[in-house]
């Protein structure tokens, strides 16, 4: 049988930080890890008992208890994962934010409105970094920019256009 792992003594500041993390974080995994530590601290529960409460397995709970004992609250965060580095650079993000604020025709394109795919294609030509339209959308969202469908309005140079339009609408309603 594996001996139970106990949580080390924590300072008042660490306890407050754990409470804050548990109550305020939007990351569900971090919240669960804080809950694991708080259950071990406040109720003196062992891994098997905590695992039943948080609906996890004993080994996972033991791993988080060990990580907290070794690294404190920083140990509850995910470690960097392997994978390809991002193709998107800070310069790409900045340039995309600049480009989307210009009309396509002003940049020599044959169309009047940007779509996500057109932006991805244009940026690919300009920077040689090819990303999907979904990635372009995410980058724009980070900058607070949302592309929406264009709202088409009908207008006329005729000075009496508004009057004629109102007359047509009133005739349609009757």
C-alpha atoms as a PDB file:
ATOM      1  CA  UNK A   1       0.000   0.000   0.000  1.00  0.00           C
ATOM      2  CA  UNK A   2       1.231   3.463  -0.920  1.00  0.00           C
ATOM      3  CA  UNK A   3       1.762   5.690   2.122  1.00  0.00           C
ATOM      4  CA  UNK A   4      -0.507   8.787   2.159  1.00  0.00           C
ATOM      5  CA  UNK A   5       0.958  12.073   1.003  1.00  0.00           C
ATOM      6  CA  UNK A   6       0.294  15.010   3.292  1.00  0.00           C
ATOM      7  CA  UNK A   7       0.335  18.646   2.295  1.00  0.00           C
ATOM      8  CA  UNK A   8       3.137  20.681   3.818  1.00  0.00           C
ATOM      9  CA  UNK A   9       2.440  23.592   6.141  1.00  0.00           C
ATOM     10  CA  UNK A  10       1.345  26.703   4.285  1.00  0.00           C
ATOM     11  CA  UNK A  11       1.584  30.372   5.176  1.00  0.00           C
ATOM     12  CA  UNK A  12      -1.469  32.577   5.611  1.00  0.00           C
ATOM     13  CA  UNK A  13      -0.637  34.285   2.300  1.00  0.00           C
ATOM     14  CA  UNK A  14      -0.471  30.937   0.482  1.00  0.00           C
ATOM     15  CA  UNK A  15      -3.811  29.892   1.965  1.00  0.00           C
ATOM     16  CA  UNK A  16      -5.410  33.170   0.836  1.00  0.00           C
ATOM     17  CA  UNK A  17      -3.915  32.730  -2.630  1.00  0.00           C
ATOM     18  CA  UNK A  18      -5.334  29.185  -2.810  1.00  0.00           C
ATOM     19  CA  UNK A  19      -8.768  30.434  -1.737  1.00  0.00           C
ATOM     20  CA  UNK A  20      -8.620  33.237  -4.314  1.00  0.00           C
ATOM     21  CA  UNK A  21      -7.519  30.804  -7.009  1.00  0.00           C
ATOM     22  CA  UNK A  22     -10.331  28.406  -6.136  1.00  0.00           C
ATOM     23  CA  UNK A  23     -13.016  31.110  -6.148  1.00  0.00           C
ATOM     24  CA  UNK A  24     -11.844  33.404  -8.952  1.00  0.00           C
ATOM     25  CA  UNK A  25     -10.048  31.416 -11.656  1.00  0.00           C
ATOM     26  CA  UNK A  26     -11.914  30.656 -14.850  1.00  0.00           C
ATOM     27  CA  UNK A  27      -9.639  27.697 -15.611  1.00  0.00           C
ATOM     28  CA  UNK A  28     -11.512  24.604 -14.411  1.00  0.00           C
ATOM     29  CA  UNK A  29      -8.355  22.503 -14.121  1.00  0.00           C
ATOM     30  CA  UNK A  30      -6.602  25.063 -11.910  1.00  0.00           C
ATOM     31  CA  UNK A  31      -9.744  25.362  -9.748  1.00  0.00           C
ATOM     32  CA  UNK A  32      -9.825  21.587  -9.263  1.00  0.00           C
ATOM     33  CA  UNK A  33      -6.141  21.528  -8.306  1.00  0.00           C
ATOM     34  CA  UNK A  34      -6.681  24.305  -5.762  1.00  0.00           C
ATOM     35  CA  UNK A  35      -9.647  22.339  -4.409  1.00  0.00           C
ATOM     36  CA  UNK A  36      -7.456  19.238  -4.015  1.00  0.00           C
ATOM     37  CA  UNK A  37      -4.941  21.183  -1.935  1.00  0.00           C
ATOM     38  CA  UNK A  38      -7.642  22.895   0.137  1.00  0.00           C
ATOM     39  CA  UNK A  39      -9.328  19.564   0.905  1.00  0.00           C
ATOM     40  CA  UNK A  40      -6.014  18.111   2.035  1.00  0.00           C
ATOM     41  CA  UNK A  41      -5.229  21.193   4.138  1.00  0.00           C
ATOM     42  CA  UNK A  42      -8.575  21.934   5.735  1.00  0.00           C
ATOM     43  CA  UNK A  43     -10.011  18.460   6.182  1.00  0.00           C
ATOM     44  CA  UNK A  44      -6.829  16.395   6.350  1.00  0.00           C
ATOM     45  CA  UNK A  45      -8.102  14.060   3.632  1.00  0.00           C
ATOM     46  CA  UNK A  46      -5.836  11.592   1.849  1.00  0.00           C
ATOM     47  CA  UNK A  47      -5.571  11.159  -1.925  1.00  0.00           C
ATOM     48  CA  UNK A  48      -8.146   8.350  -2.173  1.00  0.00           C
ATOM     49  CA  UNK A  49     -10.768  10.400  -0.296  1.00  0.00           C
ATOM     50  CA  UNK A  50     -10.049  13.559  -2.286  1.00  0.00           C
ATOM     51  CA  UNK A  51     -10.220  11.613  -5.565  1.00  0.00           C
ATOM     52  CA  UNK A  52     -13.773  10.532  -4.731  1.00  0.00           C
ATOM     53  CA  UNK A  53     -14.825  14.140  -4.097  1.00  0.00           C
ATOM     54  CA  UNK A  54     -13.224  15.672  -7.204  1.00  0.00           C
ATOM     55  CA  UNK A  55     -14.065  12.655  -9.386  1.00  0.00           C
ATOM     56  CA  UNK A  56     -10.485  11.939 -10.326  1.00  0.00           C
ATOM     57  CA  UNK A  57      -8.130   9.049  -9.688  1.00  0.00           C
ATOM     58  CA  UNK A  58      -5.805   8.610  -6.689  1.00  0.00           C
ATOM     59  CA  UNK A  59      -2.628   8.945  -8.723  1.00  0.00           C
ATOM     60  CA  UNK A  60      -3.652  12.279 -10.216  1.00  0.00           C
ATOM     61  CA  UNK A  61      -4.454  13.674  -6.772  1.00  0.00           C
ATOM     62  CA  UNK A  62      -1.101  12.395  -5.427  1.00  0.00           C
ATOM     63  CA  UNK A  63       0.723  14.054  -8.330  1.00  0.00           C
ATOM     64  CA  UNK A  64      -0.885  17.449  -7.585  1.00  0.00           C
ATOM     65  CA  UNK A  65      -0.168  17.137  -3.869  1.00  0.00           C
ATOM     66  CA  UNK A  66       3.502  16.390  -4.670  1.00  0.00           C
ATOM     67  CA  UNK A  67       3.723  19.275  -7.145  1.00  0.00           C
ATOM     68  CA  UNK A  68       2.232  21.685  -4.624  1.00  0.00           C
ATOM     69  CA  UNK A  69       4.597  20.482  -1.895  1.00  0.00           C
ATOM     70  CA  UNK A  70       7.579  21.057  -4.190  1.00  0.00           C
ATOM     71  CA  UNK A  71       6.643  24.219  -6.100  1.00  0.00           C
ATOM     72  CA  UNK A  72       3.795  25.836  -4.168  1.00  0.00           C
ATOM     73  CA  UNK A  73       0.967  27.532  -6.035  1.00  0.00           C
ATOM     74  CA  UNK A  74       3.092  27.817  -9.189  1.00  0.00           C
ATOM     75  CA  UNK A  75       3.159  24.003  -9.257  1.00  0.00           C
ATOM     76  CA  UNK A  76      -0.603  23.921  -9.925  1.00  0.00           C
ATOM     77  CA  UNK A  77      -0.188  25.449 -13.395  1.00  0.00           C
ATOM     78  CA  UNK A  78       0.264  23.351 -16.499  1.00  0.00           C
ATOM     79  CA  UNK A  79       3.825  22.791 -17.619  1.00  0.00           C
ATOM     80  CA  UNK A  80       4.719  23.779 -21.173  1.00  0.00           C
ATOM     81  CA  UNK A  81       3.772  21.092 -23.644  1.00  0.00           C
ATOM     82  CA  UNK A  82       5.657  19.833 -26.621  1.00  0.00           C
ATOM     83  CA  UNK A  83       4.553  20.840 -30.078  1.00  0.00           C
ATOM     84  CA  UNK A  84       5.422  23.007 -32.992  1.00  0.00           C
ATOM     85  CA  UNK A  85       6.103  26.640 -32.134  1.00  0.00           C
ATOM     86  CA  UNK A  86       3.493  29.115 -33.292  1.00  0.00           C
ATOM     87  CA  UNK A  87       3.952  30.386 -36.828  1.00  0.00           C
ATOM     88  CA  UNK A  88       2.266  33.647 -35.905  1.00  0.00           C
ATOM     89  CA  UNK A  89       4.699  36.300 -34.709  1.00  0.00           C
ATOM     90  CA  UNK A  90       4.028  39.541 -32.864  1.00  0.00           C
ATOM     91  CA  UNK A  91       4.870  41.411 -36.073  1.00  0.00           C
ATOM     92  CA  UNK A  92       2.263  39.327 -37.957  1.00  0.00           C
ATOM     93  CA  UNK A  93      -0.384  40.160 -35.340  1.00  0.00           C
ATOM     94  CA  UNK A  94       0.433  43.849 -35.494  1.00  0.00           C
ATOM     95  CA  UNK A  95       0.438  43.930 -39.291  1.00  0.00           C
ATOM     96  CA  UNK A  96      -2.887  42.072 -39.470  1.00  0.00           C
ATOM     97  CA  UNK A  97      -4.402  44.687 -37.142  1.00  0.00           C
ATOM     98  CA  UNK A  98      -3.121  47.429 -39.470  1.00  0.00           C
ATOM     99  CA  UNK A  99      -4.250  45.720 -42.691  1.00  0.00           C
ATOM    100  CA  UNK A 100      -7.809  45.041 -41.549  1.00  0.00           C
ATOM    101  CA  UNK A 101      -8.287  48.769 -40.905  1.00  0.00           C
ATOM    102  CA  UNK A 102      -7.624  49.586 -44.586  1.00  0.00           C
ATOM    103  CA  UNK A 103      -9.954  49.023 -47.490  1.00  0.00           C
ATOM    104  CA  UNK A 104      -8.765  46.184 -49.749  1.00  0.00           C
ATOM    105  CA  UNK A 105      -8.925  48.363 -52.886  1.00  0.00           C
ATOM    106  CA  UNK A 106      -6.588  50.894 -51.235  1.00  0.00           C
ATOM    107  CA  UNK A 107      -4.051  48.049 -50.960  1.00  0.00           C
ATOM    108  CA  UNK A 108      -4.381  47.094 -54.627  1.00  0.00           C
ATOM    109  CA  UNK A 109      -6.851  44.233 -54.222  1.00  0.00           C
ATOM    110  CA  UNK A 110      -9.731  43.661 -56.644  1.00  0.00           C
ATOM    111  CA  UNK A 111     -12.464  43.537 -53.995  1.00  0.00           C
ATOM    112  CA  UNK A 112     -14.068  46.052 -51.656  1.00  0.00           C
ATOM    113  CA  UNK A 113     -14.556  44.105 -48.416  1.00  0.00           C
ATOM    114  CA  UNK A 114     -12.371  41.881 -46.272  1.00  0.00           C
ATOM    115  CA  UNK A 115     -13.364  38.353 -45.414  1.00  0.00           C
ATOM    116  CA  UNK A 116     -11.342  36.182 -43.072  1.00  0.00           C
ATOM    117  CA  UNK A 117     -10.130  34.067 -45.979  1.00  0.00           C
ATOM    118  CA  UNK A 118      -9.132  37.124 -48.004  1.00  0.00           C
ATOM    119  CA  UNK A 119      -7.183  38.461 -45.021  1.00  0.00           C
ATOM    120  CA  UNK A 120      -5.433  35.104 -44.591  1.00  0.00           C
ATOM    121  CA  UNK A 121      -4.529  35.062 -48.292  1.00  0.00           C
ATOM    122  CA  UNK A 122      -3.347  38.677 -48.309  1.00  0.00           C
ATOM    123  CA  UNK A 123      -1.218  38.171 -45.186  1.00  0.00           C
ATOM    124  CA  UNK A 124       0.242  35.004 -46.699  1.00  0.00           C
ATOM    125  CA  UNK A 125       1.385  36.949 -49.768  1.00  0.00           C
ATOM    126  CA  UNK A 126       2.787  39.759 -47.654  1.00  0.00           C
ATOM    127  CA  UNK A 127       4.479  37.808 -44.854  1.00  0.00           C
ATOM    128  CA  UNK A 128       4.914  34.268 -46.250  1.00  0.00           C
ATOM    129  CA  UNK A 129       3.160  32.986 -43.106  1.00  0.00           C
ATOM    130  CA  UNK A 130       0.193  30.811 -44.064  1.00  0.00           C
ATOM    131  CA  UNK A 131      -2.559  30.420 -41.450  1.00  0.00           C
ATOM    132  CA  UNK A 132      -6.214  29.449 -41.644  1.00  0.00           C
ATOM    133  CA  UNK A 133      -9.096  31.887 -41.590  1.00  0.00           C
ATOM    134  CA  UNK A 134      -9.926  30.565 -38.112  1.00  0.00           C
ATOM    135  CA  UNK A 135      -6.511  31.680 -36.836  1.00  0.00           C
ATOM    136  CA  UNK A 136      -7.038  35.098 -38.430  1.00  0.00           C
ATOM    137  CA  UNK A 137     -10.405  35.349 -36.646  1.00  0.00           C
ATOM    138  CA  UNK A 138      -8.804  34.459 -33.292  1.00  0.00           C
ATOM    139  CA  UNK A 139      -6.040  37.034 -33.726  1.00  0.00           C
ATOM    140  CA  UNK A 140      -8.578  39.714 -34.635  1.00  0.00           C
ATOM    141  CA  UNK A 141     -10.752  38.789 -31.638  1.00  0.00           C
ATOM    142  CA  UNK A 142      -7.733  39.233 -29.357  1.00  0.00           C
ATOM    143  CA  UNK A 143      -7.467  42.753 -30.752  1.00  0.00           C
ATOM    144  CA  UNK A 144     -11.186  43.399 -30.251  1.00  0.00           C
ATOM    145  CA  UNK A 145     -11.975  43.269 -33.973  1.00  0.00           C
ATOM    146  CA  UNK A 146     -14.919  41.287 -35.324  1.00  0.00           C
ATOM    147  CA  UNK A 147     -15.645  40.983 -39.023  1.00  0.00           C
ATOM    148  CA  UNK A 148     -19.355  40.866 -39.706  1.00  0.00           C
ATOM    149  CA  UNK A 149     -21.422  40.560 -42.814  1.00  0.00           C
ATOM    150  CA  UNK A 150     -21.673  43.827 -44.710  1.00  0.00           C
ATOM    151  CA  UNK A 151     -24.893  45.780 -44.364  1.00  0.00           C
ATOM    152  CA  UNK A 152     -26.007  46.797 -47.827  1.00  0.00           C
ATOM    153  CA  UNK A 153     -27.755  50.120 -48.113  1.00  0.00           C
ATOM    154  CA  UNK A 154     -29.461  51.461 -51.166  1.00  0.00           C
ATOM    155  CA  UNK A 155     -28.936  55.128 -51.904  1.00  0.00           C
ATOM    156  CA  UNK A 156     -29.379  57.498 -54.800  1.00  0.00           C
ATOM    157  CA  UNK A 157     -28.032  60.905 -55.826  1.00  0.00           C
ATOM    158  CA  UNK A 158     -31.651  61.974 -56.454  1.00  0.00           C
ATOM    159  CA  UNK A 159     -32.514  64.757 -53.937  1.00  0.00           C
ATOM    160  CA  UNK A 160     -36.081  63.418 -53.674  1.00  0.00           C
ATOM    161  CA  UNK A 161     -34.963  59.798 -53.091  1.00  0.00           C
ATOM    162  CA  UNK A 162     -35.983  59.683 -49.409  1.00  0.00           C
ATOM    163  CA  UNK A 163     -39.439  61.102 -50.184  1.00  0.00           C
ATOM    164  CA  UNK A 164     -40.012  58.577 -52.997  1.00  0.00           C
ATOM    165  CA  UNK A 165     -38.795  55.731 -50.773  1.00  0.00           C
ATOM    166  CA  UNK A 166     -41.252  56.669 -48.010  1.00  0.00           C
ATOM    167  CA  UNK A 167     -44.095  56.827 -50.538  1.00  0.00           C
ATOM    168  CA  UNK A 168     -43.246  53.346 -51.819  1.00  0.00           C
ATOM    169  CA  UNK A 169     -43.188  51.939 -48.294  1.00  0.00           C
ATOM    170  CA  UNK A 170     -46.511  53.500 -47.400  1.00  0.00           C
ATOM    171  CA  UNK A 171     -48.060  52.111 -50.628  1.00  0.00           C
ATOM    172  CA  UNK A 172     -46.725  48.630 -49.809  1.00  0.00           C
ATOM    173  CA  UNK A 173     -48.268  48.710 -46.340  1.00  0.00           C
ATOM    174  CA  UNK A 174     -51.735  49.626 -47.582  1.00  0.00           C
END
